[in-house]
Amino acid sequence: MHAQVVTYRVTGGPEEEIRKGNEGFAAMVSAVPGFRGKAWLVGQGDVRGGIYFWTDRDAYQAFVDSELWAGVLGEESMADLESRDFAIDDQLTMLTQPGMTLV
């Protein structure tokens, strides 16, 4: 598996409108080949983010090369977006998931 960690600041718009946009994005990203899931992060103040899980680095790379991700990067309601990717150590991860199954 492969992970993508994204953080950003919300720059405007009512919370309800932003949530509705996120729900639309959730439906679209759920249909992307190789997508396994996402944890939505809410930080202090206007900080938001997500941890995306991909079947492998190729699936992650196909996503960041897609028009869907390009749309995210061009979204005016977000600022200071940062995205980093990581390989997941499946063996260690299997030892530390008593309440959920990632791999």
Foldseek 3Di string as FASTA:
>chain_A
DKKKKKKWFFADDDPVVVVVVVVVLVVVVVPQPQWDDKDWADDPDRMTIIMTHGNDVVSVVVVCVDPSVVVVVVDPRIPPMDMDMDDDPVVVVVVPCPPDDDD
